């Protein structure tokens, strides 16, 4: 895939990216799970984003581990609810 197309570098797969058959992309993993359950393909996602209990889904870690940086952006001087404050604190503690 050409640079700037919005996809992560696919060198990690160890094959020419032209050999990969990307049949769909998604913004919400929940929606992608329906394609996976119907056998259309696989979805790459972070572990724990989908509840697999009682569904015909399973999370399989990929080898060797692939990691991505995640960012959370907020408005400057934003007033947060107590729930959001607690969420952001949890993220800050996990980043340490």
N, C-alpha and C. Protein backbone atom coordinates (compact mmCIF):
# COMPACT_ATOMS: atom_id res chain seq x y z
N UNK A 1 0.84 -1.17 0.00
CA UNK A 1 0.00 0.00 0.00
C UNK A 1 0.89 1.24 0.00
N UNK A 2 0.53 2.22 -0.74
CA UNK A 2 1.38 3.40 -0.81
C UNK A 2 1.39 4.19 0.48
N UNK A 3 2.50 4.91 0.76
CA UNK A 3 2.53 5.73 1.97
C UNK A 3 1.43 6.78 1.93
N UNK A 4 0.93 7.15 3.11
CA UNK A 4 -0.08 8.19 3.18
C UNK A 4 -1.50 7.71 2.93
N UNK A 5 -1.70 6.40 2.84
CA UNK A 5 -3.05 5.90 2.58
C UNK A 5 -3.82 5.62 3.86
N UNK A 6 -3.22 5.96 5.01
CA UNK A 6 -3.92 5.78 6.28
C UNK A 6 -3.68 4.43 6.93
N UNK A 7 -2.92 3.55 6.31
CA UNK A 7 -2.64 2.23 6.87
C UNK A 7 -1.27 2.22 7.55
N UNK A 8 -1.15 1.39 8.57
CA UNK A 8 0.14 1.18 9.21
C UNK A 8 1.05 0.49 8.21
N UNK A 9 2.35 0.59 8.41
CA UNK A 9 3.27 -0.12 7.54
C UNK A 9 3.01 -1.62 7.63
N UNK A 10 2.95 -2.29 6.50
CA UNK A 10 2.62 -3.71 6.48
C UNK A 10 3.85 -4.59 6.36
N UNK A 11 5.05 -4.02 6.48
CA UNK A 11 6.27 -4.81 6.40
C UNK A 11 6.29 -5.89 7.47
N UNK A 12 5.61 -5.65 8.58
CA UNK A 12 5.59 -6.58 9.70
C UNK A 12 5.12 -7.96 9.28
N UNK A 13 4.24 -8.05 8.27
CA UNK A 13 3.69 -9.34 7.85
C UNK A 13 4.71 -10.20 7.14
N UNK A 14 5.80 -9.62 6.68
CA UNK A 14 6.86 -10.39 6.05
C UNK A 14 6.57 -10.78 4.61
N UNK A 15 5.57 -10.19 3.99
CA UNK A 15 5.26 -10.46 2.58
C UNK A 15 5.04 -9.12 1.88
N UNK A 16 5.08 -9.15 0.57
CA UNK A 16 4.76 -7.96 -0.21
C UNK A 16 3.32 -7.55 0.10
N UNK A 17 3.11 -6.28 0.41
CA UNK A 17 1.76 -5.85 0.78
C UNK A 17 0.75 -6.07 -0.34
N UNK A 18 1.21 -6.17 -1.59
CA UNK A 18 0.30 -6.44 -2.70
C UNK A 18 -0.28 -7.85 -2.61
N UNK A 19 0.41 -8.75 -1.86
CA UNK A 19 -0.07 -10.12 -1.72
C UNK A 19 -1.19 -10.23 -0.69
N UNK A 20 -1.36 -9.21 0.13
CA UNK A 20 -2.41 -9.23 1.15
C UNK A 20 -3.74 -8.82 0.53
N UNK A 21 -4.78 -9.53 0.87
CA UNK A 21 -6.11 -9.19 0.36
C UNK A 21 -6.89 -8.48 1.45
N UNK A 22 -6.82 -7.17 1.47
CA UNK A 22 -7.57 -6.38 2.44
C UNK A 22 -8.96 -6.17 1.84
N UNK A 23 -9.95 -6.87 2.42
CA UNK A 23 -11.31 -6.80 1.87
C UNK A 23 -12.14 -5.72 2.54
N UNK A 24 -11.68 -5.24 3.69
CA UNK A 24 -12.43 -4.20 4.40
C UNK A 24 -11.51 -3.55 5.42
N UNK A 25 -11.83 -2.34 5.77
CA UNK A 25 -11.21 -1.68 6.90
C UNK A 25 -12.34 -1.23 7.82
N UNK A 26 -12.00 -0.89 9.05
CA UNK A 26 -13.07 -0.53 9.98
C UNK A 26 -12.60 0.55 10.93
N UNK A 27 -13.55 1.27 11.47
CA UNK A 27 -13.30 2.25 12.52
C UNK A 27 -13.74 1.72 13.88
N UNK A 28 -14.74 0.86 13.88
CA UNK A 28 -15.28 0.30 15.11
C UNK A 28 -15.12 -1.22 15.09
N UNK A 29 -14.34 -1.76 16.02
CA UNK A 29 -14.09 -3.20 16.05
C UNK A 29 -15.39 -3.97 16.23
N UNK A 30 -16.34 -3.40 16.94
CA UNK A 30 -17.63 -4.09 17.13
C UNK A 30 -18.26 -4.42 15.78
N UNK A 31 -18.24 -3.48 14.85
CA UNK A 31 -18.81 -3.74 13.53
C UNK A 31 -18.01 -4.78 12.77
N UNK A 32 -16.70 -4.75 12.91
CA UNK A 32 -15.84 -5.71 12.21
C UNK A 32 -16.07 -7.14 12.70
N UNK A 33 -16.50 -7.31 13.95
CA UNK A 33 -16.72 -8.66 14.47
C UNK A 33 -17.78 -9.41 13.69
N UNK A 34 -18.74 -8.71 13.13
CA UNK A 34 -19.79 -9.38 12.35
C UNK A 34 -19.21 -9.95 11.05
N UNK A 35 -18.27 -9.26 10.43
CA UNK A 35 -17.60 -9.79 9.24
C UNK A 35 -16.78 -11.02 9.60
N UNK A 36 -16.08 -10.95 10.72
CA UNK A 36 -15.25 -12.07 11.17
C UNK A 36 -16.12 -13.29 11.47
N UNK A 37 -17.22 -13.08 12.19
CA UNK A 37 -18.10 -14.20 12.53
C UNK A 37 -18.70 -14.88 11.30
N UNK A 38 -18.82 -14.14 10.21
CA UNK A 38 -19.36 -14.71 8.97
C UNK A 38 -18.28 -15.27 8.06
N UNK A 39 -17.04 -15.33 8.57
CA UNK A 39 -15.95 -15.96 7.84
C UNK A 39 -15.36 -15.14 6.70
N UNK A 40 -15.60 -13.84 6.70
CA UNK A 40 -15.09 -13.00 5.63
C UNK A 40 -13.59 -12.74 5.80
N UNK A 41 -13.10 -12.81 7.01
CA UNK A 41 -11.67 -12.60 7.22
C UNK A 41 -11.34 -12.50 8.69
N UNK A 42 -10.23 -11.85 8.96
CA UNK A 42 -9.74 -11.66 10.31
C UNK A 42 -9.69 -10.17 10.59
N UNK A 43 -9.79 -9.79 11.84
CA UNK A 43 -9.66 -8.39 12.22
C UNK A 43 -8.48 -8.26 13.17
N UNK A 44 -7.62 -7.31 12.90
CA UNK A 44 -6.52 -7.02 13.80
C UNK A 44 -6.97 -5.94 14.76
N UNK A 45 -6.78 -6.19 16.06
CA UNK A 45 -7.20 -5.22 17.06
C UNK A 45 -6.39 -5.42 18.32
N UNK A 46 -6.56 -4.51 19.24
CA UNK A 46 -5.93 -4.64 20.55
C UNK A 46 -6.73 -5.62 21.39
N UNK A 47 -6.03 -6.41 22.18
CA UNK A 47 -6.69 -7.40 23.03
C UNK A 47 -7.61 -6.71 24.04
N UNK A 48 -8.77 -7.31 24.25
CA UNK A 48 -9.70 -6.82 25.26
C UNK A 48 -10.73 -5.82 24.74
N UNK A 49 -10.65 -5.46 23.46
CA UNK A 49 -11.62 -4.52 22.92
C UNK A 49 -12.97 -5.17 22.62
N UNK A 50 -12.97 -6.49 22.52
CA UNK A 50 -14.19 -7.21 22.14
C UNK A 50 -14.45 -8.30 23.19
N UNK A 51 -15.69 -8.38 23.64
CA UNK A 51 -16.09 -9.47 24.52
C UNK A 51 -16.34 -10.69 23.65
N UNK A 52 -15.52 -11.73 23.81
CA UNK A 52 -15.64 -12.93 22.99
C UNK A 52 -16.47 -14.02 23.65
N UNK A 53 -16.88 -13.82 24.90
CA UNK A 53 -17.66 -14.85 25.59
C UNK A 53 -19.01 -15.03 24.93
N UNK A 54 -19.36 -16.29 24.64
CA UNK A 54 -20.66 -16.61 24.05
C UNK A 54 -20.74 -16.27 22.57
N UNK A 55 -19.62 -15.93 21.97
CA UNK A 55 -19.60 -15.59 20.54
C UNK A 55 -18.59 -16.51 19.85
N UNK A 56 -18.74 -16.63 18.56
CA UNK A 56 -17.83 -17.47 17.78
C UNK A 56 -16.59 -16.66 17.39
N UNK A 57 -15.95 -16.09 18.41
CA UNK A 57 -14.77 -15.27 18.23
C UNK A 57 -13.70 -15.68 19.23
N UNK A 58 -12.45 -15.49 18.86
CA UNK A 58 -11.35 -15.74 19.78
C UNK A 58 -10.24 -14.76 19.48
N UNK A 59 -9.59 -14.27 20.52
CA UNK A 59 -8.44 -13.40 20.34
C UNK A 59 -7.21 -14.27 20.26
N UNK A 60 -6.37 -14.04 19.25
CA UNK A 60 -5.12 -14.76 19.08
C UNK A 60 -3.99 -13.74 18.99
N UNK A 61 -3.05 -13.79 19.93
CA UNK A 61 -1.93 -12.84 19.85
C UNK A 61 -1.10 -13.11 18.60
N UNK A 62 -0.52 -12.05 18.05
CA UNK A 62 0.31 -12.22 16.87
C UNK A 62 1.77 -12.29 17.28
N UNK A 63 2.54 -13.01 16.53
CA UNK A 63 3.97 -13.19 16.81
C UNK A 63 4.76 -12.60 15.67
N UNK A 64 5.77 -11.94 15.86
CA UNK A 64 6.25 -11.29 17.05
C UNK A 64 5.38 -10.07 17.33
N UNK A 65 5.41 -9.69 18.58
CA UNK A 65 4.50 -8.63 19.03
C UNK A 65 4.63 -7.37 18.18
N UNK A 66 3.51 -6.81 17.82
CA UNK A 66 3.43 -5.55 17.09
C UNK A 66 2.81 -4.53 18.03
N UNK A 67 3.44 -3.39 18.19
CA UNK A 67 2.89 -2.39 19.09
C UNK A 67 2.69 -1.07 18.34
N UNK A 68 1.74 -0.32 18.83
CA UNK A 68 1.43 0.99 18.25
C UNK A 68 1.32 2.00 19.38
N UNK A 69 1.61 3.24 19.06
CA UNK A 69 1.45 4.31 20.03
C UNK A 69 0.02 4.79 20.04
N UNK A 70 -0.51 5.05 21.20
CA UNK A 70 -1.87 5.57 21.33
C UNK A 70 -1.81 6.95 21.97
N UNK A 71 -2.66 7.83 21.51
CA UNK A 71 -2.72 9.18 22.03
C UNK A 71 -4.16 9.53 22.38
N UNK A 72 -4.31 10.30 23.44
CA UNK A 72 -5.62 10.82 23.80
C UNK A 72 -5.50 12.33 23.76
N UNK A 73 -6.35 12.97 22.98
CA UNK A 73 -6.33 14.42 22.84
C UNK A 73 -7.58 15.00 23.47
N UNK A 74 -7.40 16.07 24.21
CA UNK A 74 -8.53 16.77 24.82
C UNK A 74 -8.39 18.26 24.57
N UNK A 75 -9.47 18.97 24.75
CA UNK A 75 -9.42 20.43 24.64
C UNK A 75 -8.66 20.99 25.82
N UNK A 76 -7.93 22.06 25.57
CA UNK A 76 -7.22 22.74 26.64
C UNK A 76 -8.26 23.36 27.59
N UNK A 77 -8.04 23.24 28.88
CA UNK A 77 -8.92 23.78 29.92
C UNK A 77 -10.32 23.15 29.89
N UNK A 78 -10.41 21.91 29.43
CA UNK A 78 -11.67 21.18 29.38
C UNK A 78 -12.12 20.84 30.81
N UNK A 79 -13.40 20.95 31.08
CA UNK A 79 -13.97 20.52 32.36
C UNK A 79 -14.42 19.07 32.19
N UNK A 80 -13.90 18.20 33.03
CA UNK A 80 -14.20 16.78 32.92
C UNK A 80 -15.15 16.32 34.02
N UNK A 81 -15.97 15.35 33.69
CA UNK A 81 -16.84 14.72 34.68
C UNK A 81 -15.97 13.87 35.60
N UNK A 82 -16.49 13.50 36.78
CA UNK A 82 -15.71 12.64 37.68
C UNK A 82 -15.30 11.31 37.01
N UNK A 83 -16.16 10.76 36.16
CA UNK A 83 -15.83 9.49 35.49
C UNK A 83 -14.66 9.69 34.53
N UNK A 84 -14.67 10.77 33.77
CA UNK A 84 -13.57 11.03 32.84
C UNK A 84 -12.28 11.30 33.61
N UNK A 85 -12.35 12.03 34.70
CA UNK A 85 -11.16 12.28 35.52
C UNK A 85 -10.56 10.97 36.01
N UNK A 86 -11.41 10.06 36.47
CA UNK A 86 -10.93 8.75 36.94
C UNK A 86 -10.30 7.96 35.80
N UNK A 87 -10.93 8.00 34.63
CA UNK A 87 -10.40 7.31 33.45
C UNK A 87 -9.02 7.84 33.08
N UNK A 88 -8.89 9.16 33.01
CA UNK A 88 -7.60 9.75 32.64
C UNK A 88 -6.52 9.44 33.68
N UNK A 89 -6.90 9.42 34.94
CA UNK A 89 -5.94 9.06 35.98
C UNK A 89 -5.45 7.62 35.82
N UNK A 90 -6.36 6.72 35.49
CA UNK A 90 -5.97 5.33 35.25
C UNK A 90 -4.98 5.23 34.08
N UNK A 91 -5.24 5.99 33.04
CA UNK A 91 -4.35 5.98 31.88
C UNK A 91 -2.97 6.53 32.26
N UNK A 92 -2.95 7.61 33.03
CA UNK A 92 -1.68 8.19 33.44
C UNK A 92 -0.88 7.22 34.31
N UNK A 93 -1.56 6.53 35.22
CA UNK A 93 -0.87 5.56 36.08
C UNK A 93 -0.31 4.40 35.26
N UNK A 94 -1.07 3.96 34.24
CA UNK A 94 -0.60 2.86 33.40
C UNK A 94 0.57 3.25 32.53
N UNK A 95 0.70 4.53 32.21
CA UNK A 95 1.77 5.00 31.35
C UNK A 95 3.10 5.14 32.12
N UNK A 96 3.02 5.12 33.43
CA UNK A 96 4.26 5.30 34.24
C UNK A 96 5.04 4.04 34.35
